[in-house]
């Protein structure tokens, strides 16, 4: 993503510094979960968005506040944050739209997301799309679980532990006895 006119801000959150990258229209074109510190987040943003300039988050202030609140308190939603998915492949865009509709505290499996797309055999492709997600946690890939409701992988710093922490903050129902596979029971309706 070497687009001119992009700006970004490092946003302090309960789990570490995140970043939002936006275009002139105030649409998010990318975001990141923590990478170990503010400088690492800046390096990550500049590596995939070399033309972006660090700026105050005024154009995305509401999104930044909602992001910080979600990661601190597990409440609120980022479903209304405007995102520019024009650079995202069609299948991934469809996956992200389904995943953005998963409310805090709820989860789906890769297979359930695939079925919602009308492609019940595409669970692996959904997992790959989650791994390419350029909008975490605006597209809340942490709410998508592996088969058997296992946590599965997570590409953010801290891996599955970060995913578990985010789910717990949102109030997802967890068993008090966790196995090494980090099994996640279905949320209680």
C-alpha atoms as a PDB file:
ATOM      1  CA  UNK A   1       0.000   0.000   0.000  1.00  0.00           C
ATOM      2  CA  UNK A   2       2.044   2.978  -1.233  1.00  0.00           C
ATOM      3  CA  UNK A   3      -0.854   5.375  -1.599  1.00  0.00           C
ATOM      4  CA  UNK A   4      -0.190   9.081  -1.086  1.00  0.00           C
ATOM      5  CA  UNK A   5      -2.270  11.183   1.282  1.00  0.00           C
ATOM      6  CA  UNK A   6      -2.607   8.549   3.984  1.00  0.00           C
ATOM      7  CA  UNK A   7      -2.215   9.408   7.640  1.00  0.00           C
ATOM      8  CA  UNK A   8      -1.863   7.246  10.727  1.00  0.00           C
ATOM      9  CA  UNK A   9      -1.930   7.551  14.480  1.00  0.00           C
ATOM     10  CA  UNK A  10      -0.637   5.318  17.239  1.00  0.00           C
ATOM     11  CA  UNK A  11      -3.494   4.705  19.680  1.00  0.00           C
ATOM     12  CA  UNK A  12      -2.758   3.671  23.284  1.00  0.00           C
ATOM     13  CA  UNK A  13      -5.043   0.837  24.412  1.00  0.00           C
ATOM     14  CA  UNK A  14      -5.349  -1.566  27.336  1.00  0.00           C
ATOM     15  CA  UNK A  15      -3.450  -4.241  25.414  1.00  0.00           C
ATOM     16  CA  UNK A  16      -0.752  -1.957  24.014  1.00  0.00           C
ATOM     17  CA  UNK A  17      -0.315   0.568  21.244  1.00  0.00           C
ATOM     18  CA  UNK A  18      -2.408  -0.008  18.138  1.00  0.00           C
ATOM     19  CA  UNK A  19      -2.541   2.052  14.953  1.00  0.00           C
ATOM     20  CA  UNK A  20      -5.189   3.357  12.604  1.00  0.00           C
ATOM     21  CA  UNK A  21      -4.369   4.403   9.029  1.00  0.00           C
ATOM     22  CA  UNK A  22      -6.891   6.516   7.133  1.00  0.00           C
ATOM     23  CA  UNK A  23      -7.390   8.190   3.792  1.00  0.00           C
ATOM     24  CA  UNK A  24      -8.481  11.777   2.990  1.00  0.00           C
ATOM     25  CA  UNK A  25     -12.146  10.715   3.320  1.00  0.00           C
ATOM     26  CA  UNK A  26     -11.534   9.561   6.917  1.00  0.00           C
ATOM     27  CA  UNK A  27     -11.984   5.891   5.999  1.00  0.00           C
ATOM     28  CA  UNK A  28      -9.727   3.349   7.657  1.00  0.00           C
ATOM     29  CA  UNK A  29      -7.456   1.675   5.111  1.00  0.00           C
ATOM     30  CA  UNK A  30      -5.581  -0.388   7.684  1.00  0.00           C
ATOM     31  CA  UNK A  31      -5.102  -0.943  11.380  1.00  0.00           C
ATOM     32  CA  UNK A  32      -2.870  -2.959  13.610  1.00  0.00           C
ATOM     33  CA  UNK A  33      -2.892  -4.601  16.990  1.00  0.00           C
ATOM     34  CA  UNK A  34       0.158  -4.135  19.272  1.00  0.00           C
ATOM     35  CA  UNK A  35       3.611  -5.026  17.981  1.00  0.00           C
ATOM     36  CA  UNK A  36       5.533  -4.561  21.222  1.00  0.00           C
ATOM     37  CA  UNK A  37       5.535  -0.785  21.580  1.00  0.00           C
ATOM     38  CA  UNK A  38       4.786   2.474  19.798  1.00  0.00           C
ATOM     39  CA  UNK A  39       8.018   2.431  17.759  1.00  0.00           C
ATOM     40  CA  UNK A  40       7.373  -1.128  16.573  1.00  0.00           C
ATOM     41  CA  UNK A  41       3.818  -0.165  15.579  1.00  0.00           C
ATOM     42  CA  UNK A  42       5.164   2.815  13.611  1.00  0.00           C
ATOM     43  CA  UNK A  43       7.676   0.561  11.837  1.00  0.00           C
ATOM     44  CA  UNK A  44       4.943  -1.945  11.006  1.00  0.00           C
ATOM     45  CA  UNK A  45       2.671   0.755   9.564  1.00  0.00           C
ATOM     46  CA  UNK A  46       5.504   2.268   7.526  1.00  0.00           C
ATOM     47  CA  UNK A  47       6.482  -1.147   6.169  1.00  0.00           C
ATOM     48  CA  UNK A  48       3.074  -1.788   4.578  1.00  0.00           C
ATOM     49  CA  UNK A  49       2.129   1.836   4.048  1.00  0.00           C
ATOM     50  CA  UNK A  50       5.380   3.708   3.308  1.00  0.00           C
ATOM     51  CA  UNK A  51       3.724   6.984   2.262  1.00  0.00           C
ATOM     52  CA  UNK A  52       1.627   7.370   5.417  1.00  0.00           C
ATOM     53  CA  UNK A  53       2.356  10.357   7.633  1.00  0.00           C
ATOM     54  CA  UNK A  54       1.851  10.268  11.399  1.00  0.00           C
ATOM     55  CA  UNK A  55      -0.792  12.805  12.415  1.00  0.00           C
ATOM     56  CA  UNK A  56      -3.210  13.575  15.240  1.00  0.00           C
ATOM     57  CA  UNK A  57      -6.199  11.213  15.027  1.00  0.00           C
ATOM     58  CA  UNK A  58      -8.786  14.026  14.684  1.00  0.00           C
ATOM     59  CA  UNK A  59     -10.372  12.617  11.479  1.00  0.00           C
ATOM     60  CA  UNK A  60     -10.753   9.203  13.135  1.00  0.00           C
ATOM     61  CA  UNK A  61     -11.145  10.331  16.738  1.00  0.00           C
ATOM     62  CA  UNK A  62     -14.451   8.485  17.231  1.00  0.00           C
ATOM     63  CA  UNK A  63     -12.930   5.272  15.843  1.00  0.00           C
ATOM     64  CA  UNK A  64      -9.854   5.647  18.077  1.00  0.00           C
ATOM     65  CA  UNK A  65     -12.017   6.167  21.167  1.00  0.00           C
ATOM     66  CA  UNK A  66     -14.244   3.191  20.283  1.00  0.00           C
ATOM     67  CA  UNK A  67     -11.160   1.019  19.696  1.00  0.00           C
ATOM     68  CA  UNK A  68      -9.636   1.969  23.058  1.00  0.00           C
ATOM     69  CA  UNK A  69     -12.939   1.367  24.874  1.00  0.00           C
ATOM     70  CA  UNK A  70     -13.505  -2.025  23.242  1.00  0.00           C
ATOM     71  CA  UNK A  71     -10.011  -3.233  24.157  1.00  0.00           C
ATOM     72  CA  UNK A  72     -10.259  -1.886  27.725  1.00  0.00           C
ATOM     73  CA  UNK A  73     -13.839  -2.701  28.645  1.00  0.00           C
ATOM     74  CA  UNK A  74     -15.012  -5.142  25.977  1.00  0.00           C
ATOM     75  CA  UNK A  75     -17.999  -2.947  25.178  1.00  0.00           C
ATOM     76  CA  UNK A  76     -19.064  -1.060  22.118  1.00  0.00           C
ATOM     77  CA  UNK A  77     -18.685  -1.967  18.537  1.00  0.00           C
ATOM     78  CA  UNK A  78     -16.453  -1.002  15.659  1.00  0.00           C
ATOM     79  CA  UNK A  79     -19.009  -2.179  13.076  1.00  0.00           C
ATOM     80  CA  UNK A  80     -19.841   1.391  12.060  1.00  0.00           C
ATOM     81  CA  UNK A  81     -16.240   2.539  11.600  1.00  0.00           C
ATOM     82  CA  UNK A  82     -15.905   3.378   7.893  1.00  0.00           C
ATOM     83  CA  UNK A  83     -13.330   1.209   6.140  1.00  0.00           C
ATOM     84  CA  UNK A  84     -12.003   1.364   2.610  1.00  0.00           C
ATOM     85  CA  UNK A  85     -11.862  -2.224   1.356  1.00  0.00           C
ATOM     86  CA  UNK A  86     -11.146  -1.283  -2.264  1.00  0.00           C
ATOM     87  CA  UNK A  87      -7.733  -3.005  -2.129  1.00  0.00           C
ATOM     88  CA  UNK A  88      -9.163  -6.179  -0.538  1.00  0.00           C
ATOM     89  CA  UNK A  89      -9.966  -9.216  -2.729  1.00  0.00           C
ATOM     90  CA  UNK A  90     -13.692  -9.911  -3.157  1.00  0.00           C
ATOM     91  CA  UNK A  91     -13.756 -13.141  -1.118  1.00  0.00           C
ATOM     92  CA  UNK A  92     -11.877 -11.528   1.774  1.00  0.00           C
ATOM     93  CA  UNK A  93     -14.211  -8.511   1.647  1.00  0.00           C
ATOM     94  CA  UNK A  94     -17.234 -10.807   1.939  1.00  0.00           C
ATOM     95  CA  UNK A  95     -15.606 -12.629   4.880  1.00  0.00           C
ATOM     96  CA  UNK A  96     -14.804  -9.334   6.618  1.00  0.00           C
ATOM     97  CA  UNK A  97     -18.383  -8.122   6.205  1.00  0.00           C
ATOM     98  CA  UNK A  98     -19.712 -11.278   7.902  1.00  0.00           C
ATOM     99  CA  UNK A  99     -17.118 -11.087  10.678  1.00  0.00           C
ATOM    100  CA  UNK A 100     -17.788  -7.380  11.329  1.00  0.00           C
ATOM    101  CA  UNK A 101     -21.369  -8.356  12.208  1.00  0.00           C
ATOM    102  CA  UNK A 102     -20.239 -10.619  15.095  1.00  0.00           C
ATOM    103  CA  UNK A 103     -20.974  -8.636  18.276  1.00  0.00           C
ATOM    104  CA  UNK A 104     -18.555  -8.392  21.209  1.00  0.00           C
ATOM    105  CA  UNK A 105     -18.855 -11.417  23.485  1.00  0.00           C
ATOM    106  CA  UNK A 106     -19.891 -13.740  20.669  1.00  0.00           C
ATOM    107  CA  UNK A 107     -17.833 -16.034  18.481  1.00  0.00           C
ATOM    108  CA  UNK A 108     -18.183 -18.007  15.269  1.00  0.00           C
ATOM    109  CA  UNK A 109     -16.047 -20.769  13.806  1.00  0.00           C
ATOM    110  CA  UNK A 110     -14.335 -20.527  10.441  1.00  0.00           C
ATOM    111  CA  UNK A 111     -16.900 -23.069   9.243  1.00  0.00           C
ATOM    112  CA  UNK A 112     -19.822 -20.981  10.499  1.00  0.00           C
ATOM    113  CA  UNK A 113     -18.480 -17.918   8.691  1.00  0.00           C
ATOM    114  CA  UNK A 114     -18.041 -19.990   5.526  1.00  0.00           C
ATOM    115  CA  UNK A 115     -21.633 -21.247   5.804  1.00  0.00           C
ATOM    116  CA  UNK A 116     -22.872 -17.664   6.256  1.00  0.00           C
ATOM    117  CA  UNK A 117     -21.128 -16.831   2.974  1.00  0.00           C
ATOM    118  CA  UNK A 118     -22.959 -19.691   1.253  1.00  0.00           C
ATOM    119  CA  UNK A 119     -19.665 -21.570   0.903  1.00  0.00           C
ATOM    120  CA  UNK A 120     -19.816 -24.266   3.613  1.00  0.00           C
ATOM    121  CA  UNK A 121     -16.629 -25.978   2.405  1.00  0.00           C
ATOM    122  CA  UNK A 122     -14.535 -22.811   2.582  1.00  0.00           C
ATOM    123  CA  UNK A 123     -13.527 -22.844   6.267  1.00  0.00           C
ATOM    124  CA  UNK A 124      -9.818 -22.990   5.412  1.00  0.00           C
ATOM    125  CA  UNK A 125     -10.168 -20.082   2.981  1.00  0.00           C
ATOM    126  CA  UNK A 126     -11.948 -18.098   5.722  1.00  0.00           C
ATOM    127  CA  UNK A 127      -9.028 -18.826   8.055  1.00  0.00           C
ATOM    128  CA  UNK A 128      -6.582 -17.604   5.426  1.00  0.00           C
ATOM    129  CA  UNK A 129      -8.623 -14.417   4.944  1.00  0.00           C
ATOM    130  CA  UNK A 130      -8.517 -13.862   8.708  1.00  0.00           C
ATOM    131  CA  UNK A 131      -4.724 -14.209   8.586  1.00  0.00           C
ATOM    132  CA  UNK A 132      -4.588 -11.466   5.925  1.00  0.00           C
ATOM    133  CA  UNK A 133      -6.986  -9.154   7.801  1.00  0.00           C
ATOM    134  CA  UNK A 134      -5.676  -5.587   7.345  1.00  0.00           C
ATOM    135  CA  UNK A 135      -8.246  -4.169   9.797  1.00  0.00           C
ATOM    136  CA  UNK A 136      -7.845  -5.824  13.222  1.00  0.00           C
ATOM    137  CA  UNK A 137      -9.844  -5.454  15.470  1.00  0.00           C
ATOM    138  CA  UNK A 138     -12.221  -3.375  13.296  1.00  0.00           C
ATOM    139  CA  UNK A 139     -12.721  -6.671  11.503  1.00  0.00           C
ATOM    140  CA  UNK A 140     -12.744  -8.707  14.732  1.00  0.00           C
ATOM    141  CA  UNK A 141     -10.824 -11.785  13.593  1.00  0.00           C
ATOM    142  CA  UNK A 142     -10.274 -12.632  17.266  1.00  0.00           C
ATOM    143  CA  UNK A 143     -13.980 -13.631  17.400  1.00  0.00           C
ATOM    144  CA  UNK A 144     -13.467 -16.384  14.819  1.00  0.00           C
ATOM    145  CA  UNK A 145     -12.475 -19.768  16.201  1.00  0.00           C
ATOM    146  CA  UNK A 146     -11.124 -22.990  14.766  1.00  0.00           C
ATOM    147  CA  UNK A 147     -13.131 -26.209  14.441  1.00  0.00           C
ATOM    148  CA  UNK A 148     -14.281 -27.637  17.743  1.00  0.00           C
ATOM    149  CA  UNK A 149     -14.431 -24.045  19.062  1.00  0.00           C
ATOM    150  CA  UNK A 150     -10.664 -24.082  19.705  1.00  0.00           C
ATOM    151  CA  UNK A 151      -8.888 -20.732  19.744  1.00  0.00           C
ATOM    152  CA  UNK A 152      -6.637 -21.678  16.843  1.00  0.00           C
ATOM    153  CA  UNK A 153      -3.922 -19.368  15.593  1.00  0.00           C
ATOM    154  CA  UNK A 154      -3.693 -15.613  15.864  1.00  0.00           C
ATOM    155  CA  UNK A 155      -1.173 -13.506  13.988  1.00  0.00           C
ATOM    156  CA  UNK A 156      -1.070 -10.587  16.453  1.00  0.00           C
ATOM    157  CA  UNK A 157       1.793 -10.222  18.913  1.00  0.00           C
ATOM    158  CA  UNK A 158       1.199 -12.671  21.750  1.00  0.00           C
ATOM    159  CA  UNK A 159      -0.601 -15.086  19.413  1.00  0.00           C
ATOM    160  CA  UNK A 160      -3.506 -17.066  20.862  1.00  0.00           C
ATOM    161  CA  UNK A 161      -2.976 -15.568  24.344  1.00  0.00           C
ATOM    162  CA  UNK A 162      -3.812 -12.126  22.950  1.00  0.00           C
ATOM    163  CA  UNK A 163      -6.885 -13.578  21.260  1.00  0.00           C
ATOM    164  CA  UNK A 164      -8.011 -15.171  24.535  1.00  0.00           C
ATOM    165  CA  UNK A 165      -7.457 -11.920  26.440  1.00  0.00           C
ATOM    166  CA  UNK A 166      -9.512  -9.967  23.905  1.00  0.00           C
ATOM    167  CA  UNK A 167     -12.348 -12.504  24.042  1.00  0.00           C
ATOM    168  CA  UNK A 168     -12.347 -12.531  27.845  1.00  0.00           C
ATOM    169  CA  UNK A 169     -12.423  -8.726  27.957  1.00  0.00           C
ATOM    170  CA  UNK A 170     -15.518  -8.854  25.743  1.00  0.00           C
ATOM    171  CA  UNK A 171     -17.201 -11.293  28.113  1.00  0.00           C
ATOM    172  CA  UNK A 172     -17.092 -14.422  25.987  1.00  0.00           C
ATOM    173  CA  UNK A 173     -18.139 -17.428  28.035  1.00  0.00           C
ATOM    174  CA  UNK A 174     -15.145 -19.565  28.930  1.00  0.00           C
ATOM    175  CA  UNK A 175     -14.776 -22.815  30.785  1.00  0.00           C
ATOM    176  CA  UNK A 176     -13.058 -22.439  34.140  1.00  0.00           C
ATOM    177  CA  UNK A 177     -10.971 -25.492  33.255  1.00  0.00           C
ATOM    178  CA  UNK A 178      -8.904 -24.739  30.172  1.00  0.00           C
ATOM    179  CA  UNK A 179      -7.156 -27.431  28.239  1.00  0.00           C
ATOM    180  CA  UNK A 180      -3.933 -27.043  26.311  1.00  0.00           C
ATOM    181  CA  UNK A 181      -6.031 -26.663  23.167  1.00  0.00           C
ATOM    182  CA  UNK A 182      -7.725 -23.552  24.631  1.00  0.00           C
ATOM    183  CA  UNK A 183     -11.225 -24.862  23.937  1.00  0.00           C
ATOM    184  CA  UNK A 184     -13.919 -22.224  23.897  1.00  0.00           C
ATOM    185  CA  UNK A 185     -17.469 -23.260  24.720  1.00  0.00           C
ATOM    186  CA  UNK A 186     -20.327 -21.702  22.806  1.00  0.00           C
ATOM    187  CA  UNK A 187     -21.530 -18.468  24.378  1.00  0.00           C
ATOM    188  CA  UNK A 188     -24.621 -18.854  26.526  1.00  0.00           C
ATOM    189  CA  UNK A 189     -27.583 -17.184  24.760  1.00  0.00           C
END
